[in-house]
Amino acid sequence: MHLATRAIICAVRGHGEHGAIVRALTPDDGLQAGYVRGGRSRRLRPVLMAGNVVEADYRARTEEQLAHLSVELVRSRAFVLSEPLAAAGIEWATALTAAALPEAQPYPALFEGLDGLLAAIEAAPSARGWAGAVVRYELLLLAELGFGLDEEEIEALPNAVRDAMKITGERLARDLLADRRGVVLAARERLVERLGRMAG
């Protein structure tokens, strides 16, 4: 198996003394996991940050084996992470993607949606320009995985972002994250809390 593609880093977990297992969303091959040798090194830590865009090269002897992954940075969003609200938005969007999607299933619309959301967060760290995009991404993800709201439900969504997020959050927790809600939804709670402070 060999896959060379652009990818958005969604989750990074230390593995062994120096390595990391990285899960990244690709345009045509969905969520892909790979082992990065030296992934916890000083050189690679700034590259392997959630939200960064990389050129990814996956190689494995068989489809079932965890691929070895090498990465080259295309776009860093590390500078945005100094803004607590923007950091919370990136953390939630990437954590949701990594937790909800099955591996190796193509979701080109979700790749475009996530890339657009992260670009919006990067362009306007204050959240006024991207808070609504979080709700739209959550709705898109629910729809792509077969749990979409019907037209009447979408039309009935409140205009206030936090109120709309309450509804999408309940659907995500019930339909997609039931067995992982503690870990993943904590990232969402941080985002909602920070959005509340902005409104207040």
N, C-alpha and C. Protein backbone atom coordinates (compact mmCIF):
# COMPACT_ATOMS: atom_id res chain seq x y z
N MET A 1 0.84 -1.18 0.00
CA MET A 1 0.00 0.00 0.00
C MET A 1 0.89 1.24 0.00
N HIS A 2 0.62 2.14 -0.94
CA HIS A 2 1.33 3.41 -0.98
C HIS A 2 0.33 4.51 -1.31
N LEU A 3 0.31 5.53 -0.46
CA LEU A 3 -0.61 6.65 -0.66
C LEU A 3 0.15 7.93 -0.43
N ALA A 4 0.21 8.78 -1.46
CA ALA A 4 0.82 10.10 -1.33
C ALA A 4 -0.28 11.13 -1.55
N THR A 5 -0.52 11.98 -0.57
CA THR A 5 -1.67 12.87 -0.64
C THR A 5 -1.52 14.05 0.31
N ARG A 6 -2.26 15.09 0.05
CA ARG A 6 -2.38 16.19 1.01
C ARG A 6 -3.31 15.71 2.13
N ALA A 7 -3.09 16.18 3.34
CA ALA A 7 -3.91 15.72 4.47
C ALA A 7 -3.95 16.78 5.56
N ILE A 8 -5.03 16.76 6.34
CA ILE A 8 -5.19 17.65 7.49
C ILE A 8 -4.97 16.80 8.75
N ILE A 9 -4.01 17.19 9.57
CA ILE A 9 -3.75 16.47 10.82
C ILE A 9 -4.96 16.62 11.75
N CYS A 10 -5.49 15.49 12.22
CA CYS A 10 -6.66 15.52 13.11
C CYS A 10 -6.35 15.03 14.52
N ALA A 11 -5.46 14.08 14.66
CA ALA A 11 -5.14 13.55 16.00
C ALA A 11 -3.72 13.00 16.00
N VAL A 12 -3.03 13.22 17.12
CA VAL A 12 -1.66 12.73 17.28
C VAL A 12 -1.56 12.10 18.67
N ARG A 13 -1.03 10.88 18.70
CA ARG A 13 -0.87 10.18 19.97
C ARG A 13 0.54 9.59 20.03
N GLY A 14 1.23 9.86 21.13
CA GLY A 14 2.57 9.32 21.30
C GLY A 14 2.56 7.81 21.26
N HIS A 15 3.61 7.23 20.66
CA HIS A 15 3.71 5.77 20.57
C HIS A 15 5.17 5.39 20.75
N GLY A 16 5.44 4.60 21.79
CA GLY A 16 6.82 4.25 22.08
C GLY A 16 7.56 5.47 22.63
N GLU A 17 8.86 5.41 22.56
CA GLU A 17 9.66 6.47 23.17
C GLU A 17 9.68 7.74 22.33
N HIS A 18 9.72 7.60 21.02
CA HIS A 18 9.92 8.77 20.17
C HIS A 18 8.86 8.93 19.08
N GLY A 19 8.10 7.88 18.81
CA GLY A 19 7.19 7.92 17.67
C GLY A 19 5.81 8.48 17.99
N ALA A 20 5.00 8.59 16.96
CA ALA A 20 3.63 9.07 17.13
C ALA A 20 2.72 8.39 16.11
N ILE A 21 1.51 8.10 16.53
CA ILE A 21 0.49 7.64 15.59
C ILE A 21 -0.36 8.84 15.24
N VAL A 22 -0.45 9.11 13.95
CA VAL A 22 -1.14 10.30 13.45
C VAL A 22 -2.34 9.86 12.64
N ARG A 23 -3.46 10.52 12.89
CA ARG A 23 -4.66 10.29 12.07
C ARG A 23 -4.93 11.59 11.33
N ALA A 24 -5.04 11.49 10.02
CA ALA A 24 -5.19 12.68 9.19
C ALA A 24 -6.28 12.45 8.15
N LEU A 25 -6.99 13.52 7.81
CA LEU A 25 -8.07 13.44 6.82
C LEU A 25 -7.53 13.80 5.46
N THR A 26 -7.77 12.91 4.50
CA THR A 26 -7.30 13.12 3.13
C THR A 26 -8.50 13.42 2.23
N PRO A 27 -8.27 14.06 1.07
CA PRO A 27 -9.40 14.41 0.20
C PRO A 27 -10.13 13.20 -0.39
N ASP A 28 -9.39 12.19 -0.82
CA ASP A 28 -10.00 11.08 -1.56
C ASP A 28 -9.98 9.75 -0.84
N ASP A 29 -9.23 9.63 0.24
CA ASP A 29 -9.09 8.35 0.92
C ASP A 29 -9.52 8.40 2.38
N GLY A 30 -10.21 9.46 2.75
CA GLY A 30 -10.77 9.57 4.09
C GLY A 30 -9.72 9.69 5.18
N LEU A 31 -10.10 9.26 6.36
CA LEU A 31 -9.23 9.31 7.53
C LEU A 31 -8.21 8.19 7.43
N GLN A 32 -6.94 8.54 7.54
CA GLN A 32 -5.86 7.55 7.42
C GLN A 32 -4.94 7.65 8.64
N ALA A 33 -4.57 6.50 9.18
CA ALA A 33 -3.65 6.47 10.32
C ALA A 33 -2.27 6.03 9.84
N GLY A 34 -1.25 6.57 10.50
CA GLY A 34 0.11 6.18 10.16
C GLY A 34 1.05 6.42 11.32
N TYR A 35 2.12 5.66 11.34
CA TYR A 35 3.15 5.79 12.38
C TYR A 35 4.26 6.69 11.86
N VAL A 36 4.55 7.75 12.61
CA VAL A 36 5.62 8.68 12.24
C VAL A 36 6.81 8.42 13.16
N ARG A 37 7.89 7.92 12.58
CA ARG A 37 9.12 7.70 13.36
C ARG A 37 9.68 9.07 13.76
N GLY A 38 10.01 9.22 15.04
CA GLY A 38 10.52 10.51 15.52
C GLY A 38 9.44 11.58 15.60
N GLY A 39 8.17 11.15 15.65
CA GLY A 39 7.05 12.09 15.65
C GLY A 39 7.00 13.00 16.87
N ARG A 40 7.70 12.63 17.94
CA ARG A 40 7.70 13.47 19.14
C ARG A 40 8.98 14.31 19.24
N SER A 41 9.76 14.32 18.17
CA SER A 41 11.01 15.07 18.17
C SER A 41 10.74 16.57 18.07
N ARG A 42 11.73 17.35 18.42
CA ARG A 42 11.62 18.81 18.36
C ARG A 42 11.34 19.27 16.93
N ARG A 43 11.88 18.56 15.97
CA ARG A 43 11.69 18.93 14.56
C ARG A 43 10.27 18.66 14.08
N LEU A 44 9.68 17.55 14.51
CA LEU A 44 8.37 17.17 13.97
C LEU A 44 7.18 17.61 14.80
N ARG A 45 7.39 17.90 16.08
CA ARG A 45 6.25 18.31 16.92
C ARG A 45 5.49 19.51 16.34
N PRO A 46 6.19 20.56 15.83
CA PRO A 46 5.44 21.70 15.27
C PRO A 46 4.70 21.36 13.97
N VAL A 47 5.15 20.30 13.30
CA VAL A 47 4.49 19.87 12.06
C VAL A 47 3.24 19.06 12.39
N LEU A 48 3.34 18.19 13.39
CA LEU A 48 2.25 17.27 13.74
C LEU A 48 1.30 17.91 14.75
N MET A 49 0.73 19.03 14.36
CA MET A 49 -0.23 19.72 15.21
C MET A 49 -1.59 19.68 14.53
N ALA A 50 -2.63 19.44 15.33
CA ALA A 50 -3.99 19.37 14.77
C ALA A 50 -4.31 20.65 14.01
N GLY A 51 -4.85 20.47 12.81
CA GLY A 51 -5.21 21.60 11.97
C GLY A 51 -4.19 21.92 10.90
N ASN A 52 -2.94 21.45 11.07
CA ASN A 52 -1.92 21.69 10.04
C ASN A 52 -2.22 20.86 8.79
N VAL A 53 -1.82 21.41 7.65
CA VAL A 53 -1.95 20.70 6.38
C VAL A 53 -0.56 20.20 5.99
N VAL A 54 -0.50 18.92 5.60
CA VAL A 54 0.79 18.31 5.25
C VAL A 54 0.66 17.56 3.93
N GLU A 55 1.82 17.35 3.31
CA GLU A 55 1.93 16.34 2.25
C GLU A 55 2.30 15.05 2.96
N ALA A 56 1.42 14.06 2.85
CA ALA A 56 1.59 12.81 3.59
C ALA A 56 1.95 11.68 2.64
N ASP A 57 2.90 10.86 3.08
CA ASP A 57 3.30 9.70 2.29
C ASP A 57 3.17 8.46 3.18
N TYR A 58 2.13 7.66 2.91
CA TYR A 58 1.85 6.44 3.68
C TYR A 58 2.41 5.24 2.92
N ARG A 59 3.12 4.37 3.65
CA ARG A 59 3.64 3.15 3.03
C ARG A 59 3.45 1.97 3.99
N ALA A 60 2.89 0.89 3.46
CA ALA A 60 2.72 -0.33 4.25
C ALA A 60 2.80 -1.53 3.31
N ARG A 61 3.21 -2.67 3.86
CA ARG A 61 3.31 -3.88 3.03
C ARG A 61 1.93 -4.40 2.65
N THR A 62 0.96 -4.27 3.58
CA THR A 62 -0.40 -4.74 3.31
C THR A 62 -1.39 -3.65 3.71
N GLU A 63 -2.62 -3.79 3.25
CA GLU A 63 -3.68 -2.83 3.58
C GLU A 63 -4.00 -2.85 5.07
N GLU A 64 -3.82 -4.01 5.71
CA GLU A 64 -4.20 -4.16 7.13
C GLU A 64 -3.14 -3.60 8.08
N GLN A 65 -1.91 -3.49 7.62
CA GLN A 65 -0.80 -3.05 8.47
C GLN A 65 -0.85 -1.54 8.68
N LEU A 66 -0.50 -1.08 9.90
CA LEU A 66 -0.38 0.36 10.14
C LEU A 66 0.75 0.90 9.28
N ALA A 67 0.44 1.89 8.49
CA ALA A 67 1.41 2.42 7.54
C ALA A 67 2.47 3.26 8.25
N HIS A 68 3.66 3.27 7.68
CA HIS A 68 4.68 4.23 8.09
C HIS A 68 4.35 5.52 7.34
N LEU A 69 4.41 6.62 8.04
CA LEU A 69 4.00 7.91 7.49
C LEU A 69 5.14 8.90 7.58
N SER A 70 5.42 9.56 6.46
CA SER A 70 6.33 10.69 6.49
C SER A 70 5.54 11.92 6.04
N VAL A 71 5.88 13.06 6.60
CA VAL A 71 5.09 14.28 6.34
C VAL A 71 5.99 15.45 6.01
N GLU A 72 5.45 16.33 5.18
CA GLU A 72 6.08 17.62 4.89
C GLU A 72 5.04 18.69 5.12
N LEU A 73 5.40 19.71 5.87
CA LEU A 73 4.44 20.77 6.20
C LEU A 73 4.09 21.59 4.96
N VAL A 74 2.78 21.78 4.75
CA VAL A 74 2.29 22.63 3.68
C VAL A 74 1.77 23.94 4.27
N ARG A 75 0.98 23.84 5.33
CA ARG A 75 0.40 25.02 5.96
C ARG A 75 0.34 24.82 7.47
N SER A 76 0.98 25.71 8.20
CA SER A 76 0.96 25.64 9.65
C SER A 76 -0.10 26.58 10.21
N ARG A 77 -0.85 26.08 11.17
CA ARG A 77 -1.82 26.92 11.87
C ARG A 77 -1.40 27.10 13.33
N ALA A 78 -0.14 26.81 13.62
CA ALA A 78 0.36 26.88 15.00
C ALA A 78 0.20 28.28 15.59
N PHE A 79 0.40 29.31 14.76
CA PHE A 79 0.33 30.67 15.28
C PHE A 79 -1.07 31.02 15.78
N VAL A 80 -2.10 30.38 15.23
CA VAL A 80 -3.48 30.66 15.64
C VAL A 80 -3.75 30.06 17.02
N LEU A 81 -2.99 29.04 17.40
CA LEU A 81 -3.25 28.34 18.65
C LEU A 81 -2.94 29.17 19.89
N SER A 82 -2.31 30.33 19.71
CA SER A 82 -2.08 31.21 20.86
C SER A 82 -3.37 31.94 21.26
N GLU A 83 -4.36 31.95 20.37
CA GLU A 83 -5.68 32.53 20.67
C GLU A 83 -6.54 31.42 21.28
N PRO A 84 -6.96 31.54 22.54
CA PRO A 84 -7.70 30.44 23.18
C PRO A 84 -8.97 30.03 22.44
N LEU A 85 -9.71 30.99 21.90
CA LEU A 85 -10.96 30.66 21.21
C LEU A 85 -10.68 29.93 19.90
N ALA A 86 -9.73 30.44 19.13
CA ALA A 86 -9.36 29.78 17.88
C ALA A 86 -8.81 28.38 18.15
N ALA A 87 -7.98 28.26 19.19
CA ALA A 87 -7.42 26.95 19.55
C ALA A 87 -8.54 25.97 19.89
N ALA A 88 -9.55 26.45 20.63
CA ALA A 88 -10.68 25.58 21.00
C ALA A 88 -11.46 25.15 19.76
N GLY A 89 -11.62 26.05 18.79
CA GLY A 89 -12.33 25.71 17.55
C GLY A 89 -11.59 24.65 16.75
N ILE A 90 -10.28 24.82 16.63
CA ILE A 90 -9.47 23.85 15.89
C ILE A 90 -9.47 22.50 16.61
N GLU A 91 -9.30 22.55 17.93
CA GLU A 91 -9.26 21.31 18.72
C GLU A 91 -10.56 20.53 18.55
N TRP A 92 -11.71 21.23 18.62
CA TRP A 92 -13.00 20.53 18.51
C TRP A 92 -13.20 19.97 17.10
N ALA A 93 -12.97 20.77 16.07
CA ALA A 93 -13.24 20.31 14.70
C ALA A 93 -12.39 19.09 14.36
N THR A 94 -11.12 19.10 14.74
CA THR A 94 -10.25 17.97 14.40
C THR A 94 -10.54 16.76 15.28
N ALA A 95 -10.83 16.99 16.58
CA ALA A 95 -11.15 15.86 17.46
C ALA A 95 -12.44 15.18 17.03
N LEU A 96 -13.44 15.97 16.65
CA LEU A 96 -14.70 15.40 16.17
C LEU A 96 -14.46 14.56 14.92
N THR A 97 -13.69 15.08 14.00
CA THR A 97 -13.41 14.36 12.74
C THR A 97 -12.71 13.03 13.02
N ALA A 98 -11.69 13.08 13.88
CA ALA A 98 -10.93 11.86 14.19
C ALA A 98 -11.78 10.82 14.91
N ALA A 99 -12.69 11.28 15.77
CA ALA A 99 -13.50 10.34 16.56
C ALA A 99 -14.68 9.78 15.79
N ALA A 100 -15.27 10.58 14.91
CA ALA A 100 -16.53 10.18 14.29
C ALA A 100 -16.36 9.37 13.00
N LEU A 101 -15.30 9.64 12.25
CA LEU A 101 -15.19 9.02 10.93
C LEU A 101 -14.56 7.63 11.00
N PRO A 102 -15.11 6.70 10.24
CA PRO A 102 -14.43 5.41 10.08
C PRO A 102 -13.19 5.61 9.21
N GLU A 103 -12.20 4.77 9.40
CA GLU A 103 -10.96 4.95 8.64
C GLU A 103 -11.12 4.45 7.20
N ALA A 104 -10.38 5.13 6.32
CA ALA A 104 -10.24 4.73 4.91
C ALA A 104 -11.53 4.75 4.12
N GLN A 105 -12.50 5.55 4.56
CA GLN A 105 -13.73 5.75 3.79
C GLN A 105 -13.70 7.17 3.24
N PRO A 106 -13.88 7.34 1.92
CA PRO A 106 -13.74 8.69 1.35
C PRO A 106 -14.90 9.61 1.73
N TYR A 107 -14.56 10.80 2.19
CA TYR A 107 -15.54 11.85 2.48
C TYR A 107 -15.02 13.17 1.94
N PRO A 108 -15.00 13.32 0.59
CA PRO A 108 -14.42 14.54 0.02
C PRO A 108 -15.11 15.82 0.49
N ALA A 109 -16.42 15.77 0.70
CA ALA A 109 -17.14 16.96 1.17
C ALA A 109 -16.69 17.35 2.57
N LEU A 110 -16.40 16.36 3.41
CA LEU A 110 -15.93 16.67 4.76
C LEU A 110 -14.51 17.22 4.74
N PHE A 111 -13.68 16.73 3.83
CA PHE A 111 -12.35 17.31 3.71
C PHE A 111 -12.45 18.78 3.35
N GLU A 112 -13.28 19.08 2.35
CA GLU A 112 -13.46 20.48 1.94
C GLU A 112 -14.06 21.31 3.07
N GLY A 113 -15.04 20.73 3.76
CA GLY A 113 -15.69 21.44 4.87
C GLY A 113 -14.73 21.73 6.00
N LEU A 114 -13.93 20.74 6.39
CA LEU A 114 -12.97 20.94 7.47
C LEU A 114 -11.90 21.95 7.06
N ASP A 115 -11.40 21.83 5.85
CA ASP A 115 -10.39 22.76 5.37
C ASP A 115 -10.94 24.19 5.36
N GLY A 116 -12.20 24.35 4.93
CA GLY A 116 -12.83 25.67 4.91
C GLY A 116 -13.03 26.23 6.31
N LEU A 117 -13.46 25.38 7.24
CA LEU A 117 -13.66 25.82 8.62
C LEU A 117 -12.34 26.25 9.24
N LEU A 118 -11.29 25.46 9.05
CA LEU A 118 -9.99 25.80 9.63
C LEU A 118 -9.43 27.09 9.01
N ALA A 119 -9.67 27.28 7.71
CA ALA A 119 -9.22 28.53 7.06
C ALA A 119 -9.98 29.73 7.62
N ALA A 120 -11.28 29.54 7.90
CA ALA A 120 -12.08 30.63 8.48
C ALA A 120 -11.58 30.98 9.88
N ILE A 121 -11.26 29.96 10.67
CA ILE A 121 -10.73 30.20 12.02
C ILE A 121 -9.40 30.95 11.94
N GLU A 122 -8.57 30.54 10.99
CA GLU A 122 -7.27 31.18 10.80
C GLU A 122 -7.42 32.65 10.40
N ALA A 123 -8.43 32.94 9.56
CA ALA A 123 -8.63 34.29 9.06
C ALA A 123 -9.24 35.23 10.10
N ALA A 124 -10.03 34.68 11.03
CA ALA A 124 -10.73 35.52 12.00
C ALA A 124 -10.74 34.86 13.36
N PRO A 125 -9.61 34.90 14.08
CA PRO A 125 -9.51 34.19 15.36
C PRO A 125 -10.54 34.62 16.40
N SER A 126 -11.20 35.78 16.21
CA SER A 126 -12.17 36.25 17.22
C SER A 126 -13.47 35.45 17.23
N ALA A 127 -13.73 34.66 16.24
CA ALA A 127 -14.89 33.75 16.14
C ALA A 127 -16.11 34.37 15.50
N ARG A 128 -16.18 35.66 15.37
CA ARG A 128 -17.37 36.25 14.74
C ARG A 128 -17.53 35.76 13.30
N GLY A 129 -16.39 35.50 12.64
CA GLY A 129 -16.44 35.06 11.26
C GLY A 129 -16.56 33.56 11.07
N TRP A 130 -16.41 32.77 12.15
CA TRP A 130 -16.39 31.32 11.95
C TRP A 130 -17.28 30.52 12.88
N ALA A 131 -17.88 31.11 13.89
CA ALA A 131 -18.69 30.33 14.83
C ALA A 131 -19.84 29.62 14.11
N GLY A 132 -20.48 30.30 13.18
CA GLY A 132 -21.55 29.66 12.41
C GLY A 132 -21.05 28.51 11.55
N ALA A 133 -19.80 28.62 11.09
CA ALA A 133 -19.21 27.56 10.26
C ALA A 133 -19.02 26.27 11.06
N VAL A 134 -18.83 26.39 12.37
CA VAL A 134 -18.73 25.19 13.22
C VAL A 134 -20.03 24.41 13.16
N VAL A 135 -21.15 25.13 13.30
CA VAL A 135 -22.47 24.48 13.24
C VAL A 135 -22.66 23.83 11.87
N ARG A 136 -22.30 24.55 10.80
CA ARG A 136 -22.47 23.99 9.45
C ARG A 136 -21.62 22.73 9.26
N TYR A 137 -20.40 22.74 9.82
CA TYR A 137 -19.56 21.55 9.70
C TYR A 137 -20.15 20.38 10.48
N GLU A 138 -20.66 20.64 11.67
CA GLU A 138 -21.30 19.58 12.44
C GLU A 138 -22.50 19.01 11.69
N LEU A 139 -23.30 19.87 11.08
CA LEU A 139 -24.46 19.42 10.30
C LEU A 139 -24.01 18.58 9.10
N LEU A 140 -22.95 19.03 8.43
CA LEU A 140 -22.43 18.30 7.28
C LEU A 140 -21.93 16.92 7.71
N LEU A 141 -21.21 16.86 8.82
CA LEU A 141 -20.69 15.58 9.29
C LEU A 141 -21.83 14.63 9.65
N LEU A 142 -22.83 15.13 10.34
CA LEU A 142 -24.00 14.30 10.67
C LEU A 142 -24.64 13.77 9.39
N ALA A 143 -24.82 14.65 8.39
CA ALA A 143 -25.46 14.24 7.14
C ALA A 143 -24.63 13.21 6.40
N GLU A 144 -23.31 13.42 6.32
CA GLU A 144 -22.44 12.50 5.59
C GLU A 144 -22.42 11.11 6.21
N LEU A 145 -22.65 11.04 7.53
CA LEU A 145 -22.62 9.75 8.20
C LEU A 145 -24.02 9.16 8.39
N GLY A 146 -25.02 9.77 7.76
CA GLY A 146 -26.37 9.20 7.75
C GLY A 146 -27.25 9.61 8.91
N PHE A 147 -26.88 10.67 9.64
CA PHE A 147 -27.68 11.13 10.78
C PHE A 147 -28.13 12.58 10.61
N GLY A 148 -28.25 13.00 9.36
CA GLY A 148 -28.56 14.40 9.09
C GLY A 148 -29.94 14.81 9.59
N LEU A 149 -30.05 16.10 9.91
CA LEU A 149 -31.35 16.66 10.28
C LEU A 149 -32.17 16.80 9.01
N ASP A 150 -33.50 16.67 9.14
CA ASP A 150 -34.33 16.89 7.96
C ASP A 150 -34.50 18.40 7.74
N GLU A 151 -35.13 18.76 6.60
CA GLU A 151 -35.24 20.17 6.23
C GLU A 151 -35.95 20.99 7.30
N GLU A 152 -37.02 20.45 7.85
CA GLU A 152 -37.76 21.18 8.88
C GLU A 152 -36.90 21.43 10.11
N GLU A 153 -36.13 20.43 10.50
CA GLU A 153 -35.25 20.59 11.67
C GLU A 153 -34.18 21.65 11.41
N ILE A 154 -33.64 21.64 10.20
CA ILE A 154 -32.61 22.63 9.86
C ILE A 154 -33.20 24.04 9.85
N GLU A 155 -34.39 24.17 9.26
CA GLU A 155 -35.05 25.49 9.22
C GLU A 155 -35.38 25.98 10.62
N ALA A 156 -35.64 25.04 11.55
CA ALA A 156 -36.01 25.42 12.91
C ALA A 156 -34.80 25.71 13.80
N LEU A 157 -33.58 25.51 13.27
CA LEU A 157 -32.41 25.80 14.10
C LEU A 157 -32.37 27.27 14.49
N PRO A 158 -32.06 27.57 15.73
CA PRO A 158 -31.99 28.97 16.17
C PRO A 158 -30.87 29.72 15.44
N ASN A 159 -31.04 31.03 15.28
CA ASN A 159 -30.00 31.84 14.65
C ASN A 159 -28.79 32.00 15.57
N ALA A 160 -29.02 32.03 16.87
CA ALA A 160 -27.92 32.17 17.81
C ALA A 160 -27.05 30.91 17.76
N VAL A 161 -25.75 31.11 17.55
CA VAL A 161 -24.84 29.98 17.36
C VAL A 161 -24.85 29.03 18.55
N ARG A 162 -24.80 29.58 19.76
CA ARG A 162 -24.74 28.71 20.94
C ARG A 162 -26.01 27.87 21.07
N ASP A 163 -27.17 28.44 20.72
CA ASP A 163 -28.42 27.67 20.79
C ASP A 163 -28.43 26.58 19.73
N ALA A 164 -27.95 26.90 18.53
CA ALA A 164 -27.88 25.90 17.46
C ALA A 164 -26.90 24.79 17.84
N MET A 165 -25.79 25.17 18.48
CA MET A 165 -24.79 24.18 18.90
C MET A 165 -25.34 23.24 19.96
N LYS A 166 -26.28 23.71 20.75
CA LYS A 166 -26.90 22.84 21.75
C LYS A 166 -27.62 21.68 21.04
N ILE A 167 -28.32 22.01 19.96
CA ILE A 167 -29.08 20.99 19.22
C ILE A 167 -28.14 20.04 18.50
N THR A 168 -27.15 20.58 17.76
CA THR A 168 -26.23 19.69 17.04
C THR A 168 -25.40 18.87 18.03
N GLY A 169 -25.07 19.46 19.17
CA GLY A 169 -24.30 18.73 20.18
C GLY A 169 -25.04 17.52 20.71
N GLU A 170 -26.35 17.70 20.93
CA GLU A 170 -27.16 16.56 21.41
C GLU A 170 -27.18 15.44 20.37
N ARG A 171 -27.31 15.82 19.09
CA ARG A 171 -27.33 14.80 18.02
C ARG A 171 -25.98 14.09 17.89
N LEU A 172 -24.91 14.86 17.98
CA LEU A 172 -23.57 14.25 17.89
C LEU A 172 -23.35 13.27 19.04
N ALA A 173 -23.71 13.69 20.26
CA ALA A 173 -23.51 12.85 21.44
C ALA A 173 -24.33 11.58 21.35
N ARG A 174 -25.55 11.70 20.86
CA ARG A 174 -26.45 10.54 20.80
C ARG A 174 -26.11 9.61 19.64
N ASP A 175 -25.87 10.17 18.46
CA ASP A 175 -25.76 9.34 17.26
C ASP A 175 -24.34 8.92 16.88
N LEU A 176 -23.35 9.75 17.20
CA LEU A 176 -22.00 9.47 16.72
C LEU A 176 -20.96 9.25 17.81
N LEU A 177 -21.16 9.85 18.97
CA LEU A 177 -20.09 9.83 19.97
C LEU A 177 -20.51 9.16 21.27
N ALA A 178 -21.52 8.31 21.21
CA ALA A 178 -22.08 7.72 22.42
C ALA A 178 -21.02 7.00 23.25
N ASP A 179 -20.10 6.29 22.60
CA ASP A 179 -19.11 5.52 23.35
C ASP A 179 -17.82 6.31 23.59
N ARG A 180 -17.73 7.54 23.08
CA ARG A 180 -16.51 8.34 23.27
C ARG A 180 -16.83 9.74 23.78
N ARG A 181 -18.03 9.93 24.29
CA ARG A 181 -18.47 11.29 24.58
C ARG A 181 -17.61 12.00 25.62
N GLY A 182 -17.11 11.28 26.65
CA GLY A 182 -16.33 11.92 27.70
C GLY A 182 -15.10 12.62 27.17
N VAL A 183 -14.33 11.91 26.36
CA VAL A 183 -13.06 12.44 25.87
C VAL A 183 -13.29 13.53 24.82
N VAL A 184 -14.10 13.22 23.82
CA VAL A 184 -14.23 14.11 22.67
C VAL A 184 -15.09 15.33 23.00
N LEU A 185 -16.18 15.12 23.69
CA LEU A 185 -17.09 16.24 23.94
C LEU A 185 -16.52 17.24 24.94
N ALA A 186 -15.47 16.87 25.67
CA ALA A 186 -14.81 17.85 26.54
C ALA A 186 -14.23 18.99 25.70
N ALA A 187 -13.72 18.66 24.51
CA ALA A 187 -13.20 19.70 23.61
C ALA A 187 -14.32 20.63 23.16
N ARG A 188 -15.49 20.07 22.93
CA ARG A 188 -16.63 20.89 22.51
C ARG A 188 -17.09 21.80 23.65
N GLU A 189 -17.09 21.26 24.86
CA GLU A 189 -17.50 22.06 26.02
C GLU A 189 -16.57 23.26 26.20
N ARG A 190 -15.27 23.08 25.97
CA ARG A 190 -14.34 24.20 26.07
C ARG A 190 -14.67 25.27 25.03
N LEU A 191 -15.00 24.83 23.82
CA LEU A 191 -15.35 25.78 22.77
C LEU A 191 -16.62 26.55 23.12
N VAL A 192 -17.66 25.83 23.54
CA VAL A 192 -18.93 26.48 23.88
C VAL A 192 -18.74 27.47 25.02
N GLU A 193 -17.95 27.08 26.00
CA GLU A 193 -17.68 27.97 27.15
C GLU A 193 -16.99 29.25 26.69
N ARG A 194 -16.01 29.11 25.80
CA ARG A 194 -15.29 30.30 25.33
C ARG A 194 -16.16 31.16 24.43
N LEU A 195 -17.01 30.53 23.64
CA LEU A 195 -17.96 31.32 22.84
C LEU A 195 -18.90 32.10 23.75
N GLY A 196 -19.29 31.47 24.87
CA GLY A 196 -20.16 32.14 25.84
C GLY A 196 -19.49 33.36 26.44
N ARG A 197 -18.21 33.25 26.72
CA ARG A 197 -17.48 34.40 27.28
C ARG A 197 -17.41 35.53 26.26
N MET A 198 -17.26 35.16 24.97
CA MET A 198 -17.20 36.17 23.92
C MET A 198 -18.52 36.92 23.85
N ALA A 199 -19.64 36.15 23.93
CA ALA A 199 -20.98 36.77 23.85
C ALA A 199 -21.24 37.64 25.07
N GLY A 200 -20.72 37.19 26.23
CA GLY A 200 -20.94 37.92 27.47
C GLY A 200 -20.08 39.15 27.52
